[in-house]
Amino acid sequence: MDPIDVSVFQKEQADRCREAGEKFFMDLPDRWYANGPMYLCENGHVSGNYLKSEEKGALCLACFKPVGLVDPKETPLESHFDELFGRTG
């Protein structure tokens, strides 16, 4: 599986929320922070937790790759990522 560009995925989601008129905090939609935020890494792992690193920032607990906050309502399963990014398996 090819790595997921988390920052691109995050920006596309945030842009849709901005167009819908949602409120933002620190350039991300407010609701992403509510009710248990979800973090995504480039390998497609999704978790409500991450490892805080002084040198590398927020890291995935499964593979130690950087994570980004994503929409908890639209946190897709790996198979959905394949559809979004045009990958076949």
N, C-alpha and C. Protein backbone atom coordinates (compact mmCIF):
# COMPACT_ATOMS: atom_id res chain seq x y z
N MET A 1 0.84 -1.18 0.00
CA MET A 1 0.00 0.00 0.00
C MET A 1 0.89 1.24 0.00
N ASP A 2 0.55 2.20 -0.86
CA ASP A 2 1.28 3.46 -0.92
C ASP A 2 0.93 4.31 0.30
N PRO A 3 1.89 5.13 0.74
CA PRO A 3 1.61 6.01 1.88
C PRO A 3 0.51 7.02 1.54
N ILE A 4 -0.24 7.40 2.54
CA ILE A 4 -1.29 8.42 2.41
C ILE A 4 -0.67 9.76 2.76
N ASP A 5 -0.91 10.76 1.96
CA ASP A 5 -0.45 12.10 2.29
C ASP A 5 -1.49 12.70 3.24
N VAL A 6 -1.23 12.56 4.53
CA VAL A 6 -2.19 12.97 5.55
C VAL A 6 -2.52 14.45 5.46
N SER A 7 -1.52 15.28 5.18
CA SER A 7 -1.77 16.72 5.12
C SER A 7 -2.72 17.08 3.97
N VAL A 8 -2.60 16.37 2.83
CA VAL A 8 -3.52 16.62 1.70
C VAL A 8 -4.92 16.16 2.06
N PHE A 9 -5.03 14.97 2.64
CA PHE A 9 -6.33 14.44 3.06
C PHE A 9 -6.99 15.38 4.07
N GLN A 10 -6.20 15.83 5.05
CA GLN A 10 -6.71 16.72 6.09
C GLN A 10 -7.18 18.04 5.47
N LYS A 11 -6.39 18.60 4.55
CA LYS A 11 -6.75 19.87 3.92
C LYS A 11 -8.03 19.73 3.10
N GLU A 12 -8.19 18.63 2.35
CA GLU A 12 -9.40 18.43 1.57
C GLU A 12 -10.63 18.36 2.46
N GLN A 13 -10.52 17.65 3.58
CA GLN A 13 -11.63 17.57 4.52
C GLN A 13 -11.94 18.95 5.11
N ALA A 14 -10.90 19.67 5.53
CA ALA A 14 -11.08 20.99 6.14
C ALA A 14 -11.70 21.97 5.14
N ASP A 15 -11.28 21.90 3.88
CA ASP A 15 -11.84 22.78 2.86
C ASP A 15 -13.34 22.55 2.69
N ARG A 16 -13.77 21.29 2.71
CA ARG A 16 -15.21 21.00 2.61
C ARG A 16 -15.96 21.60 3.81
N CYS A 17 -15.37 21.51 4.99
CA CYS A 17 -16.00 22.08 6.19
C CYS A 17 -16.05 23.60 6.11
N ARG A 18 -14.99 24.20 5.59
CA ARG A 18 -14.95 25.66 5.45
C ARG A 18 -16.04 26.12 4.47
N GLU A 19 -16.18 25.40 3.36
CA GLU A 19 -17.21 25.73 2.38
C GLU A 19 -18.62 25.58 2.97
N ALA A 20 -18.76 24.66 3.92
CA ALA A 20 -20.06 24.45 4.58
C ALA A 20 -20.32 25.47 5.67
N GLY A 21 -19.35 26.35 5.94
CA GLY A 21 -19.54 27.41 6.92
C GLY A 21 -19.30 27.00 8.36
N GLU A 22 -18.58 25.90 8.58
CA GLU A 22 -18.31 25.46 9.95
C GLU A 22 -17.33 26.41 10.64
N LYS A 23 -17.37 26.42 11.98
CA LYS A 23 -16.44 27.21 12.78
C LYS A 23 -15.11 26.47 12.89
N PHE A 24 -14.02 27.25 12.97
CA PHE A 24 -12.68 26.68 13.01
C PHE A 24 -11.90 27.12 14.24
N PHE A 25 -10.97 26.28 14.65
CA PHE A 25 -10.01 26.59 15.71
C PHE A 25 -8.65 26.10 15.21
N MET A 26 -7.67 26.99 15.18
CA MET A 26 -6.32 26.65 14.72
C MET A 26 -6.35 26.00 13.34
N ASP A 27 -7.14 26.55 12.44
CA ASP A 27 -7.24 26.14 11.04
C ASP A 27 -7.85 24.76 10.82
N LEU A 28 -8.49 24.21 11.85
CA LEU A 28 -9.21 22.94 11.71
C LEU A 28 -10.62 23.11 12.26
N PRO A 29 -11.59 22.40 11.71
CA PRO A 29 -12.98 22.54 12.18
C PRO A 29 -13.11 22.22 13.68
N ASP A 30 -13.90 23.03 14.37
CA ASP A 30 -14.13 22.84 15.81
C ASP A 30 -14.57 21.43 16.14
N ARG A 31 -15.49 20.88 15.35
CA ARG A 31 -16.07 19.58 15.70
C ARG A 31 -15.06 18.44 15.64
N TRP A 32 -13.93 18.63 14.97
CA TRP A 32 -12.91 17.58 14.93
C TRP A 32 -12.29 17.35 16.31
N TYR A 33 -12.34 18.38 17.14
CA TYR A 33 -11.75 18.29 18.48
C TYR A 33 -12.73 17.70 19.49
N ALA A 34 -14.01 17.77 19.18
CA ALA A 34 -15.05 17.33 20.13
C ALA A 34 -15.24 15.81 20.07
N ASN A 35 -15.70 15.26 21.17
CA ASN A 35 -16.08 13.84 21.24
C ASN A 35 -14.99 12.88 20.78
N GLY A 36 -13.81 13.10 21.24
CA GLY A 36 -12.72 12.18 20.94
C GLY A 36 -12.13 12.36 19.56
N PRO A 37 -11.14 13.22 19.43
CA PRO A 37 -10.50 13.43 18.13
C PRO A 37 -9.87 12.15 17.60
N MET A 38 -9.75 12.06 16.27
CA MET A 38 -9.13 10.91 15.62
C MET A 38 -7.91 11.36 14.84
N TYR A 39 -6.88 10.56 14.92
CA TYR A 39 -5.61 10.85 14.25
C TYR A 39 -5.33 9.78 13.21
N LEU A 40 -4.78 10.20 12.07
CA LEU A 40 -4.50 9.32 10.95
C LEU A 40 -3.02 9.41 10.58
N CYS A 41 -2.40 8.26 10.27
CA CYS A 41 -1.02 8.27 9.79
C CYS A 41 -0.99 7.90 8.32
N GLU A 42 0.16 8.03 7.69
CA GLU A 42 0.30 7.74 6.26
C GLU A 42 0.06 6.27 5.92
N ASN A 43 0.13 5.39 6.90
CA ASN A 43 -0.12 3.98 6.66
C ASN A 43 -1.59 3.60 6.83
N GLY A 44 -2.44 4.60 7.12
CA GLY A 44 -3.87 4.35 7.23
C GLY A 44 -4.34 3.96 8.61
N HIS A 45 -3.44 3.96 9.60
CA HIS A 45 -3.85 3.65 10.97
C HIS A 45 -4.62 4.83 11.54
N VAL A 46 -5.72 4.54 12.21
CA VAL A 46 -6.56 5.57 12.83
C VAL A 46 -6.66 5.28 14.31
N SER A 47 -6.47 6.30 15.14
CA SER A 47 -6.51 6.11 16.58
C SER A 47 -6.94 7.40 17.26
N GLY A 48 -7.48 7.25 18.44
CA GLY A 48 -7.82 8.40 19.27
C GLY A 48 -6.64 8.86 20.10
N ASN A 49 -5.53 8.15 20.01
CA ASN A 49 -4.33 8.48 20.78
C ASN A 49 -3.11 8.53 19.87
N TYR A 50 -2.07 9.18 20.33
CA TYR A 50 -0.81 9.22 19.60
C TYR A 50 0.34 9.33 20.59
N LEU A 51 1.53 9.06 20.11
CA LEU A 51 2.73 9.16 20.92
C LEU A 51 3.32 10.54 20.70
N LYS A 52 3.55 11.28 21.78
CA LYS A 52 4.12 12.62 21.68
C LYS A 52 5.63 12.51 21.71
N SER A 53 6.29 13.01 20.67
CA SER A 53 7.74 12.97 20.57
C SER A 53 8.29 14.39 20.56
N GLU A 54 9.32 14.63 21.35
CA GLU A 54 9.95 15.95 21.37
C GLU A 54 10.55 16.29 20.01
N GLU A 55 11.13 15.30 19.35
CA GLU A 55 11.83 15.54 18.08
C GLU A 55 10.92 15.44 16.87
N LYS A 56 9.97 14.50 16.87
CA LYS A 56 9.20 14.21 15.67
C LYS A 56 7.73 14.61 15.75
N GLY A 57 7.29 15.14 16.87
CA GLY A 57 5.89 15.55 17.01
C GLY A 57 4.98 14.39 17.37
N ALA A 58 3.75 14.42 16.87
CA ALA A 58 2.75 13.39 17.17
C ALA A 58 2.96 12.19 16.24
N LEU A 59 3.07 11.00 16.83
CA LEU A 59 3.37 9.79 16.06
C LEU A 59 2.33 8.71 16.28
N CYS A 60 2.12 7.89 15.25
CA CYS A 60 1.21 6.75 15.29
C CYS A 60 1.72 5.71 16.29
N LEU A 61 0.82 5.17 17.08
CA LEU A 61 1.21 4.15 18.05
C LEU A 61 1.54 2.82 17.39
N ALA A 62 1.02 2.58 16.19
CA ALA A 62 1.25 1.30 15.51
C ALA A 62 2.54 1.27 14.70
N CYS A 63 2.88 2.40 14.04
CA CYS A 63 4.04 2.37 13.14
C CYS A 63 5.02 3.53 13.35
N PHE A 64 4.70 4.45 14.25
CA PHE A 64 5.56 5.58 14.61
C PHE A 64 5.76 6.59 13.47
N LYS A 65 4.81 6.65 12.53
CA LYS A 65 4.81 7.67 11.48
C LYS A 65 4.03 8.87 12.00
N PRO A 66 4.30 10.08 11.46
CA PRO A 66 3.55 11.26 11.90
C PRO A 66 2.05 11.11 11.66
N VAL A 67 1.26 11.70 12.54
CA VAL A 67 -0.20 11.67 12.43
C VAL A 67 -0.75 13.07 12.26
N GLY A 68 -1.98 13.15 11.75
CA GLY A 68 -2.71 14.40 11.63
C GLY A 68 -4.13 14.20 12.11
N LEU A 69 -4.70 15.24 12.67
CA LEU A 69 -6.08 15.21 13.13
C LEU A 69 -7.01 15.17 11.91
N VAL A 70 -7.99 14.27 11.93
CA VAL A 70 -8.95 14.15 10.82
C VAL A 70 -10.37 14.14 11.37
N ASP A 71 -11.32 14.30 10.49
CA ASP A 71 -12.73 14.33 10.85
C ASP A 71 -13.15 12.97 11.41
N PRO A 72 -13.59 12.91 12.67
CA PRO A 72 -14.00 11.62 13.24
C PRO A 72 -15.20 11.00 12.53
N LYS A 73 -16.06 11.84 11.94
CA LYS A 73 -17.23 11.32 11.23
C LYS A 73 -16.84 10.69 9.90
N GLU A 74 -15.75 11.15 9.32
CA GLU A 74 -15.34 10.66 8.01
C GLU A 74 -14.01 9.93 8.06
N THR A 75 -13.68 9.38 9.21
CA THR A 75 -12.45 8.62 9.31
C THR A 75 -12.71 7.27 8.65
N PRO A 76 -12.22 7.14 7.42
CA PRO A 76 -12.55 5.94 6.66
C PRO A 76 -11.73 4.74 7.06
N LEU A 77 -12.25 3.59 6.72
CA LEU A 77 -11.48 2.36 6.88
C LEU A 77 -10.49 2.29 5.74
N GLU A 78 -9.51 1.42 5.86
CA GLU A 78 -8.47 1.31 4.85
C GLU A 78 -9.05 1.10 3.46
N SER A 79 -10.10 0.30 3.33
CA SER A 79 -10.69 0.04 2.01
C SER A 79 -11.24 1.33 1.40
N HIS A 80 -11.76 2.23 2.24
CA HIS A 80 -12.28 3.50 1.74
C HIS A 80 -11.13 4.39 1.28
N PHE A 81 -10.00 4.34 1.97
CA PHE A 81 -8.83 5.11 1.53
C PHE A 81 -8.43 4.69 0.13
N ASP A 82 -8.47 3.39 -0.14
CA ASP A 82 -8.12 2.89 -1.46
C ASP A 82 -9.02 3.52 -2.53
N GLU A 83 -10.31 3.66 -2.23
CA GLU A 83 -11.22 4.32 -3.17
C GLU A 83 -10.85 5.78 -3.35
N LEU A 84 -10.59 6.47 -2.24
CA LEU A 84 -10.27 7.89 -2.30
C LEU A 84 -9.00 8.18 -3.09
N PHE A 85 -8.00 7.35 -2.91
CA PHE A 85 -6.69 7.60 -3.51
C PHE A 85 -6.42 6.74 -4.74
N GLY A 86 -7.44 6.03 -5.24
CA GLY A 86 -7.31 5.31 -6.47
C GLY A 86 -6.35 4.13 -6.45
N ARG A 87 -6.17 3.53 -5.29
CA ARG A 87 -5.24 2.41 -5.18
C ARG A 87 -6.00 1.10 -5.34
N THR A 88 -5.34 0.14 -5.91
CA THR A 88 -5.92 -1.20 -6.02
C THR A 88 -5.02 -2.18 -5.32
N GLY A 89 -5.61 -3.26 -4.87
CA GLY A 89 -4.85 -4.09 -4.01
C GLY A 89 -4.44 -5.40 -4.39
